[in-house]
N, C-alpha and C. Protein backbone atom coordinates (compact mmCIF):
# COMPACT_ATOMS: atom_id res chain seq x y z
N MET A 1 100.45 123.30 104.57
CA MET A 1 99.89 122.54 105.56
C MET A 1 98.34 123.29 105.77
N GLU A 2 98.24 124.44 105.72
CA GLU A 2 97.12 125.20 106.03
C GLU A 2 96.14 124.72 104.97
N THR A 3 96.40 124.71 103.60
CA THR A 3 95.47 124.26 102.67
C THR A 3 94.68 122.89 102.92
N LEU A 4 95.74 122.04 103.33
CA LEU A 4 95.35 120.53 103.81
C LEU A 4 94.38 120.73 104.97
N ARG A 5 94.69 121.43 105.90
CA ARG A 5 93.78 121.67 107.13
C ARG A 5 92.42 122.27 106.88
N LEU A 6 92.53 123.34 105.80
CA LEU A 6 91.27 123.89 105.35
C LEU A 6 90.28 122.89 104.51
N ILE A 7 90.97 122.02 103.58
CA ILE A 7 90.27 121.07 102.94
C ILE A 7 89.84 119.99 103.65
N LEU A 8 90.48 119.59 104.69
CA LEU A 8 89.96 118.59 105.79
C LEU A 8 88.78 119.19 106.54
N LEU A 9 88.88 120.12 107.07
CA LEU A 9 87.83 120.94 107.71
C LEU A 9 86.51 121.11 107.00
N ALA A 10 86.68 121.60 105.61
CA ALA A 10 85.45 121.66 104.83
C ALA A 10 84.75 120.28 104.71
N LEU A 11 85.59 119.36 104.44
CA LEU A 11 85.01 118.01 104.19
C LEU A 11 84.39 117.33 105.31
N HIS A 12 85.13 117.74 106.66
CA HIS A 12 84.69 117.27 108.05
C HIS A 12 83.33 117.97 108.07
N LEU A 13 83.19 119.36 107.95
CA LEU A 13 81.79 119.95 107.98
C LEU A 13 80.69 119.47 107.36
N LEU A 14 81.10 119.19 106.11
CA LEU A 14 80.07 118.82 105.10
C LEU A 14 79.42 117.62 105.54
N SER A 15 80.34 116.65 106.04
CA SER A 15 79.89 115.16 106.33
C SER A 15 79.04 115.22 107.48
N TRP A 16 79.36 116.02 108.39
CA TRP A 16 78.32 116.38 109.61
C TRP A 16 76.98 117.18 109.15
N ALA A 17 77.19 117.91 108.16
CA ALA A 17 76.08 118.62 107.58
C ALA A 17 75.09 117.60 107.03
N PHE A 18 75.77 116.56 106.26
CA PHE A 18 74.87 115.57 105.75
C PHE A 18 74.12 114.79 106.66
N VAL A 19 74.78 114.37 107.77
CA VAL A 19 74.08 113.63 108.71
C VAL A 19 73.07 114.13 109.40
N VAL A 20 73.35 115.52 109.73
CA VAL A 20 72.48 116.37 110.49
C VAL A 20 71.22 116.79 109.49
N GLY A 21 71.45 116.94 108.45
CA GLY A 21 70.39 117.12 107.22
C GLY A 21 69.47 115.99 106.92
N ALA A 22 70.07 114.81 107.02
CA ALA A 22 69.37 113.67 106.60
C ALA A 22 68.32 113.45 107.76
N TRP A 23 69.08 113.55 109.06
CA TRP A 23 68.25 113.41 110.31
C TRP A 23 66.87 114.61 110.10
N ALA A 24 67.34 115.81 110.04
CA ALA A 24 66.20 116.98 110.08
C ALA A 24 65.32 116.45 108.85
N SER A 25 65.55 116.27 107.92
CA SER A 25 64.61 115.81 106.83
C SER A 25 63.77 114.82 106.99
N ARG A 26 64.09 114.00 107.96
CA ARG A 26 63.07 112.77 108.31
C ARG A 26 62.38 112.89 109.72
N LEU A 27 62.44 114.15 110.37
CA LEU A 27 62.16 114.34 111.74
C LEU A 27 60.59 113.95 111.89
N ARG A 28 59.60 114.15 110.78
CA ARG A 28 58.36 113.53 111.09
C ARG A 28 58.31 112.09 110.99
N THR A 29 59.26 111.37 110.14
CA THR A 29 59.00 110.01 110.25
C THR A 29 60.60 109.60 109.98
N PRO A 30 61.13 109.48 111.37
CA PRO A 30 62.53 109.35 111.18
C PRO A 30 63.04 107.86 110.86
N VAL A 31 62.28 106.98 110.56
CA VAL A 31 62.62 105.48 110.13
C VAL A 31 62.03 105.34 108.88
N PRO A 32 62.98 104.73 107.71
CA PRO A 32 64.56 104.34 108.10
C PRO A 32 65.50 105.69 107.85
N VAL A 33 66.56 105.23 108.35
CA VAL A 33 67.82 106.34 108.44
C VAL A 33 67.97 106.42 107.02
N ALA A 34 68.20 107.76 106.42
CA ALA A 34 68.59 107.87 105.22
C ALA A 34 69.71 107.14 104.59
N LYS A 35 70.00 106.76 103.48
CA LYS A 35 70.92 106.06 102.65
C LYS A 35 72.19 107.15 102.82
N GLY A 36 73.25 106.61 103.19
CA GLY A 36 74.48 107.28 103.25
C GLY A 36 74.94 108.02 104.40
N VAL A 37 73.91 107.93 105.53
CA VAL A 37 74.42 108.38 106.80
C VAL A 37 75.60 107.80 107.37
N SER A 38 75.76 106.53 107.12
CA SER A 38 76.90 105.67 107.87
C SER A 38 77.96 106.22 107.28
N HIS A 39 77.96 106.37 105.86
CA HIS A 39 79.42 106.74 105.28
C HIS A 39 79.59 108.17 105.63
N ALA A 40 78.59 108.86 105.73
CA ALA A 40 79.08 110.36 106.14
C ALA A 40 79.58 110.40 107.37
N ALA A 41 79.15 109.86 108.44
CA ALA A 41 79.49 109.69 109.80
C ALA A 41 80.91 109.11 109.81
N ALA A 42 81.06 108.20 109.23
CA ALA A 42 82.32 107.36 109.04
C ALA A 42 83.29 108.39 108.38
N PHE A 43 83.25 109.22 107.51
CA PHE A 43 83.99 110.04 106.74
C PHE A 43 84.21 111.24 107.58
N ALA A 44 83.27 111.62 108.48
CA ALA A 44 83.55 112.98 109.35
C ALA A 44 84.19 112.49 110.40
N LEU A 45 84.34 111.06 111.00
CA LEU A 45 85.16 110.62 111.94
C LEU A 45 86.59 110.60 111.24
N LEU A 46 86.84 110.18 110.17
CA LEU A 46 87.94 110.02 109.58
C LEU A 46 88.83 111.42 109.35
N THR A 47 87.97 112.53 108.83
CA THR A 47 88.40 113.60 108.50
C THR A 47 88.85 114.43 109.87
N GLY A 48 88.02 114.06 111.08
CA GLY A 48 88.25 114.67 112.35
C GLY A 48 89.59 114.31 112.82
N LEU A 49 89.80 112.84 112.81
CA LEU A 49 91.12 112.29 113.19
C LEU A 49 92.29 112.95 112.47
N LEU A 50 92.06 113.18 111.10
CA LEU A 50 92.99 113.57 110.18
C LEU A 50 93.31 115.17 110.51
N LEU A 51 92.61 115.75 110.84
CA LEU A 51 92.53 117.37 111.37
C LEU A 51 93.37 117.41 112.56
N VAL A 52 93.09 116.36 113.42
CA VAL A 52 93.96 116.46 114.78
C VAL A 52 95.39 116.11 114.22
N GLY A 53 95.50 115.15 113.44
CA GLY A 53 97.08 114.69 113.20
C GLY A 53 97.74 115.98 112.43
N VAL A 54 96.88 116.86 111.55
CA VAL A 54 97.62 117.91 110.87
C VAL A 54 98.08 118.83 112.00
N ARG A 55 97.15 119.19 112.90
CA ARG A 55 97.44 120.18 114.00
C ARG A 55 98.50 119.68 114.46
N GLU A 56 98.66 118.37 115.09
CA GLU A 56 99.91 117.78 115.63
C GLU A 56 101.01 117.94 115.20
N MET A 57 101.15 117.77 113.63
CA MET A 57 102.33 117.81 112.80
C MET A 57 102.87 119.56 112.79
N ASP A 58 101.78 120.15 112.99
CA ASP A 58 102.31 121.67 112.82
C ASP A 58 102.55 122.18 114.31
N ASP A 59 102.71 121.36 115.36
CA ASP A 59 103.10 121.78 116.62
C ASP A 59 102.01 122.78 117.26
N LEU A 60 100.88 122.58 116.92
CA LEU A 60 99.83 123.38 117.30
C LEU A 60 99.35 123.00 118.63
N ASP A 61 98.74 123.72 119.56
CA ASP A 61 98.09 123.27 120.55
C ASP A 61 96.85 122.40 120.36
N VAL A 62 96.46 121.19 121.13
CA VAL A 62 95.32 120.29 120.65
C VAL A 62 94.73 120.24 122.11
N ASN A 63 93.48 120.32 122.22
CA ASN A 63 92.53 120.23 123.59
C ASN A 63 92.49 118.85 123.40
N HIS A 64 93.09 117.97 124.16
CA HIS A 64 93.02 116.33 124.19
C HIS A 64 91.73 116.17 124.94
N ALA A 65 91.29 116.88 125.67
CA ALA A 65 89.99 116.35 126.52
C ALA A 65 88.87 116.42 125.25
N LYS A 66 88.73 117.72 124.95
CA LYS A 66 87.71 118.13 123.83
C LYS A 66 87.54 117.08 122.66
N ILE A 67 89.09 116.82 122.28
CA ILE A 67 89.03 115.65 121.10
C ILE A 67 88.46 114.20 121.57
N GLY A 68 88.98 113.99 122.85
CA GLY A 68 88.42 112.69 123.48
C GLY A 68 87.01 112.57 123.42
N VAL A 69 86.44 113.64 123.85
CA VAL A 69 84.81 113.69 123.89
C VAL A 69 84.41 113.60 122.67
N LYS A 70 84.72 114.34 121.56
CA LYS A 70 84.24 114.41 120.26
C LYS A 70 84.57 112.99 119.52
N LEU A 71 85.55 112.46 120.02
CA LEU A 71 85.98 111.09 119.34
C LEU A 71 84.71 110.03 119.78
N VAL A 72 84.54 109.99 121.29
CA VAL A 72 83.34 109.15 121.50
C VAL A 72 82.26 109.39 121.05
N VAL A 73 81.89 110.72 120.97
CA VAL A 73 80.47 111.06 120.19
C VAL A 73 80.53 110.43 118.80
N ALA A 74 81.66 110.90 117.94
CA ALA A 74 81.54 110.56 116.81
C ALA A 74 81.53 109.02 116.47
N LEU A 75 82.46 108.33 117.37
CA LEU A 75 82.13 106.83 117.10
C LEU A 75 80.87 106.30 117.40
N THR A 76 80.16 107.00 118.51
CA THR A 76 78.78 106.24 118.73
C THR A 76 77.84 106.66 117.64
N VAL A 77 78.00 107.85 116.94
CA VAL A 77 77.10 108.12 115.74
C VAL A 77 77.66 107.23 114.81
N THR A 78 78.60 106.97 114.48
CA THR A 78 79.05 105.98 113.51
C THR A 78 78.63 104.69 113.64
N VAL A 79 78.83 104.08 114.90
CA VAL A 79 78.26 102.73 115.13
C VAL A 79 77.01 102.47 114.88
N LEU A 80 76.09 103.59 115.44
CA LEU A 80 74.71 103.64 115.36
C LEU A 80 74.15 103.85 114.04
N ALA A 81 74.74 104.70 113.29
CA ALA A 81 74.27 104.69 111.71
C ALA A 81 74.70 103.20 111.08
N PHE A 82 75.74 102.86 111.29
CA PHE A 82 76.09 101.41 110.63
C PHE A 82 75.12 100.39 110.94
N VAL A 83 74.79 100.37 112.32
CA VAL A 83 73.64 99.50 112.78
C VAL A 83 72.29 99.70 112.14
N ALA A 84 72.06 101.00 112.22
CA ALA A 84 70.80 101.43 111.55
C ALA A 84 70.70 101.03 109.91
N ASP A 85 71.80 101.13 109.43
CA ASP A 85 72.15 100.98 107.79
C ASP A 85 71.73 99.23 107.74
N ARG A 86 72.07 98.27 108.73
CA ARG A 86 72.01 96.83 108.63
C ARG A 86 70.64 96.45 108.81
N LYS A 87 69.79 97.49 109.72
CA LYS A 87 68.60 96.97 110.01
C LYS A 87 67.41 97.54 108.93
N ALA A 88 67.88 98.49 108.26
CA ALA A 88 66.93 99.07 106.96
C ALA A 88 65.96 99.60 107.79
N ASP A 89 64.73 98.81 107.34
CA ASP A 89 63.54 99.43 107.61
C ASP A 89 63.11 99.09 109.18
N ARG A 90 63.66 98.39 109.82
CA ARG A 90 63.32 98.13 111.19
C ARG A 90 64.24 98.77 112.30
N THR A 91 64.71 100.17 111.60
CA THR A 91 65.33 100.84 112.62
C THR A 91 64.56 101.47 113.67
N PRO A 92 64.82 101.66 114.98
CA PRO A 92 64.02 101.95 115.98
C PRO A 92 64.00 103.69 116.02
N VAL A 93 63.04 104.21 116.19
CA VAL A 93 62.87 105.48 116.27
C VAL A 93 63.90 106.19 117.07
N TRP A 94 64.24 105.54 118.25
CA TRP A 94 65.38 106.45 119.16
C TRP A 94 66.87 106.27 118.64
N MET A 95 66.77 105.19 117.51
CA MET A 95 68.32 105.15 116.88
C MET A 95 68.33 106.26 115.98
N ALA A 96 67.45 106.57 115.35
CA ALA A 96 67.46 107.67 114.28
C ALA A 96 67.85 108.89 115.07
N HIS A 97 66.87 109.07 116.16
CA HIS A 97 67.12 110.68 116.94
C HIS A 97 68.19 110.69 117.57
N ALA A 98 68.73 109.44 118.04
CA ALA A 98 70.31 109.53 118.67
C ALA A 98 71.40 109.62 117.62
N ILE A 99 71.29 109.19 116.51
CA ILE A 99 71.96 109.65 115.45
C ILE A 99 72.23 111.23 115.20
N GLY A 100 70.96 111.63 114.68
CA GLY A 100 70.79 113.06 114.51
C GLY A 100 71.34 113.87 115.62
N GLY A 101 70.72 113.74 116.94
CA GLY A 101 70.96 114.54 118.01
C GLY A 101 72.37 114.60 118.28
N LEU A 102 73.05 113.26 118.42
CA LEU A 102 74.28 113.17 118.86
C LEU A 102 75.35 114.11 117.83
N ALA A 103 75.11 113.93 116.61
CA ALA A 103 75.68 114.79 115.42
C ALA A 103 75.70 116.23 115.77
N VAL A 104 74.25 116.68 116.09
CA VAL A 104 74.31 118.20 116.53
C VAL A 104 75.25 118.22 117.87
N VAL A 105 75.23 117.53 118.86
CA VAL A 105 75.91 117.84 119.91
C VAL A 105 77.34 117.80 119.63
N ASN A 106 77.83 116.89 118.51
CA ASN A 106 79.20 117.12 118.43
C ASN A 106 79.74 118.33 117.75
N VAL A 107 78.91 118.79 116.93
CA VAL A 107 79.06 120.04 116.25
C VAL A 107 78.93 121.21 117.42
N LEU A 108 78.27 121.19 118.25
CA LEU A 108 78.15 122.17 119.32
C LEU A 108 79.31 122.26 120.33
N ILE A 109 79.72 120.94 120.69
CA ILE A 109 81.10 120.64 121.29
C ILE A 109 82.32 121.39 120.54
N ALA A 110 82.27 121.20 119.59
CA ALA A 110 83.47 121.86 118.41
C ALA A 110 83.35 123.41 118.42
N VAL A 111 82.10 123.78 118.48
CA VAL A 111 82.14 125.37 118.49
C VAL A 111 82.01 125.92 119.88
N LEU A 112 81.50 125.44 120.83
CA LEU A 112 81.19 125.75 122.10
C LEU A 112 82.33 125.85 123.00
N TRP A 113 83.07 124.72 123.07
CA TRP A 113 84.27 124.26 123.90
C TRP A 113 85.41 124.94 123.53
N GLN A 114 85.84 126.04 124.48
CA GLN A 114 86.85 126.70 124.11
C GLN A 114 88.06 126.44 124.87
């Protein structure tokens, strides 16, 4: 089970890294949002949920408040990314910054909330 958890964790971190990296690479011209950001955000959301499931199956402690906050942030990033994907070249600047900024917030919550 530990191997599965580590694989899921690596995929989860790589997905968020893609979202943050795509945002950072377009900070000067944040529109349009890079292709694949919506899929990376959705994959990060999925792997995050699977990580919680693996911890629950191993009867390990799970901070449900932290997971709830991270879930809301991840859902917001994913929805915004899919909306930005649909708008293509007409993506508002605030939406591009919200996607990247909230992805960073999600990573910071994971690291700093003990």
